[in-house]
Protein backbone atom coordinates (compact mmCIF):
# COMPACT_ATOMS: atom_id res chain seq x y z
CA MET A 1 32.48 20.12 4.83
CA ARG A 2 31.49 19.59 1.22
CA ASP A 3 32.27 15.86 1.43
CA PHE A 4 29.98 15.59 4.47
CA VAL A 5 27.09 17.22 2.61
CA ASP A 6 27.62 15.01 -0.44
CA GLY A 7 27.78 11.94 1.78
CA SER A 8 24.61 12.91 3.61
CA ALA A 9 22.76 13.53 0.35
CA PHE A 10 23.92 10.18 -1.00
CA ASN A 11 22.81 8.38 2.17
CA TYR A 12 19.41 10.10 2.08
CA GLU A 13 18.97 9.12 -1.57
CA GLN A 14 19.90 5.51 -0.82
CA GLY A 15 17.39 5.48 2.05
CA GLN A 16 14.65 6.75 -0.24
CA ARG A 17 15.44 4.01 -2.76
CA ALA A 18 15.27 1.37 -0.05
CA ARG A 19 11.93 2.73 1.16
CA LYS A 20 10.52 2.53 -2.37
CA LEU A 21 11.75 -1.04 -2.68
CA PHE A 22 9.95 -2.06 0.52
CA ALA A 23 6.83 -0.19 -0.61
CA ALA A 24 6.88 -2.33 -3.75
CA VAL A 25 6.99 -5.44 -1.54
CA VAL A 26 3.89 -4.19 0.30
CA LEU A 27 2.09 -3.65 -3.02
CA ALA A 28 3.05 -7.16 -4.13
CA ALA A 29 1.70 -8.59 -0.86
CA LEU A 30 -1.57 -6.75 -1.46
CA ASP A 31 -1.81 -8.14 -5.00
CA ASP A 32 -1.13 -11.65 -3.70
CA ALA A 33 -3.85 -11.27 -1.08
CA ILE A 34 -6.30 -10.00 -3.72
CA ALA A 35 -5.50 -13.04 -5.88
CA ASP A 36 -6.04 -15.31 -2.85
CA ASP A 37 -9.34 -13.57 -2.16
CA LYS A 38 -10.57 -14.20 -5.70
CA LYS A 39 -9.38 -17.81 -5.69
CA TYR A 40 -9.99 -18.97 -2.11
CA GLY A 41 -12.00 -16.16 -0.50
CA ASN A 42 -9.53 -15.53 2.33
CA GLY A 43 -7.59 -12.49 1.09
CA PRO A 44 -8.31 -10.06 3.94
CA GLU A 45 -7.34 -12.69 6.53
CA GLN A 46 -4.12 -13.44 4.62
CA ILE A 47 -2.99 -9.81 4.46
CA ALA A 48 -3.88 -9.32 8.14
CA ARG A 49 -1.87 -12.38 9.12
CA TRP A 50 1.08 -11.15 7.07
CA ALA A 51 0.88 -7.55 8.38
CA ARG A 52 0.78 -8.77 11.98
CA SER A 53 3.69 -11.15 11.51
CA ARG A 54 7.24 -10.18 12.40
CA ASP A 55 8.28 -10.06 8.74
CA GLY A 56 5.23 -8.05 7.75
CA ARG A 57 5.77 -5.49 10.50
CA GLU A 58 9.42 -5.18 9.49
CA VAL A 59 8.56 -4.65 5.80
CA LEU A 60 5.87 -2.10 6.65
CA SER A 61 8.29 -0.22 8.90
CA CYS A 62 10.99 -0.20 6.23
CA ALA A 63 8.43 1.11 3.73
CA GLY A 64 7.70 4.03 6.05
CA ILE A 65 4.33 2.69 7.20
CA ASP A 66 3.57 2.46 10.92
CA PRO A 67 2.51 -1.19 11.44
CA ASN A 68 -0.43 -0.58 13.78
CA GLU A 69 -3.89 -2.12 13.87
CA ARG A 70 -5.44 0.78 11.96
CA VAL A 71 -3.09 0.06 9.06
CA VAL A 72 -3.96 -3.65 9.19
CA LYS A 73 -7.68 -2.82 8.96
CA GLY A 74 -7.01 -0.50 6.03
CA LEU A 75 -5.06 -3.21 4.21
CA MET A 76 -7.90 -5.65 4.84
CA GLU A 77 -10.47 -3.19 3.45
CA PHE A 78 -8.32 -2.59 0.39
CA VAL A 79 -8.05 -6.32 -0.29
CA ALA A 80 -11.79 -6.78 0.26
CA LYS A 81 -12.52 -4.23 -2.49
CA GLY A 82 -10.64 -6.49 -4.92
CA VAL A 83 -9.06 -3.72 -6.99
CA ARG A 84 -5.48 -4.56 -8.02
CA THR A 85 -2.86 -2.07 -6.87
CA SER A 86 -1.80 -1.19 -10.41
CA VAL A 87 -5.40 -0.26 -11.23
CA ALA A 88 -6.02 1.54 -7.94
CA LEU A 89 -2.93 3.71 -8.43
CA SER A 90 -3.73 4.58 -12.04
CA ARG A 91 -4.96 8.01 -13.07
CA GLU A 92 -8.03 6.62 -14.85
CA GLU A 93 -9.25 4.86 -11.71
CA SER A 94 -8.84 7.96 -9.55
CA GLU A 95 -10.69 10.05 -12.13
CA ARG A 96 -13.49 7.45 -12.28
CA ARG A 97 -13.84 7.47 -8.48
CA LEU A 98 -13.91 11.27 -8.41
CA ALA A 99 -16.62 11.33 -11.10
CA ALA A 100 -18.64 8.72 -9.21
CA ALA A 101 -18.35 10.72 -5.98
CA ASP A 102 -19.45 13.91 -7.76
CA GLU A 103 -22.39 12.05 -9.32
CA HIS A 104 -23.39 10.66 -5.92
CA GLU A 105 -23.28 14.13 -4.35
CA ALA A 106 -25.42 15.51 -7.18
CA GLU A 107 -28.04 12.79 -6.62
CA ALA A 108 -28.09 13.47 -2.88
CA ALA A 109 -28.69 17.20 -3.38
C-alpha cells in the first residue's frame, strides 16, 4: 500500500512539473507575439493563429488551460496591451496596477 501512495505522489509531482513546462511555453509564445506586435504590428493575430492551431491547442491543454475562444480572445487582449509576461507577472507591476485602480476609483467618487 505504501508503494502505491509513493508512486501516486511521484506521478502527481511529475504531472505538475510537466504542466509548468507547458505553461512556460505559453508564456514564451505570448512574448514572441508581443515582439511581433512591436515589430510588425500583427501580434494579436499571430497568437490567435497559434492558439487555434492543433499544436497551440495541445500546448494550452497540457498547460491546464482550456483552449476555447474566450481564452484566445484573452490572449489577444494581453498581446495588444504590449506588456511582457515577465513584467506583467512581477510584484511591482501588480502593485502599480492596484494603485492606479485605487486612484481611478478615488477620482470617480
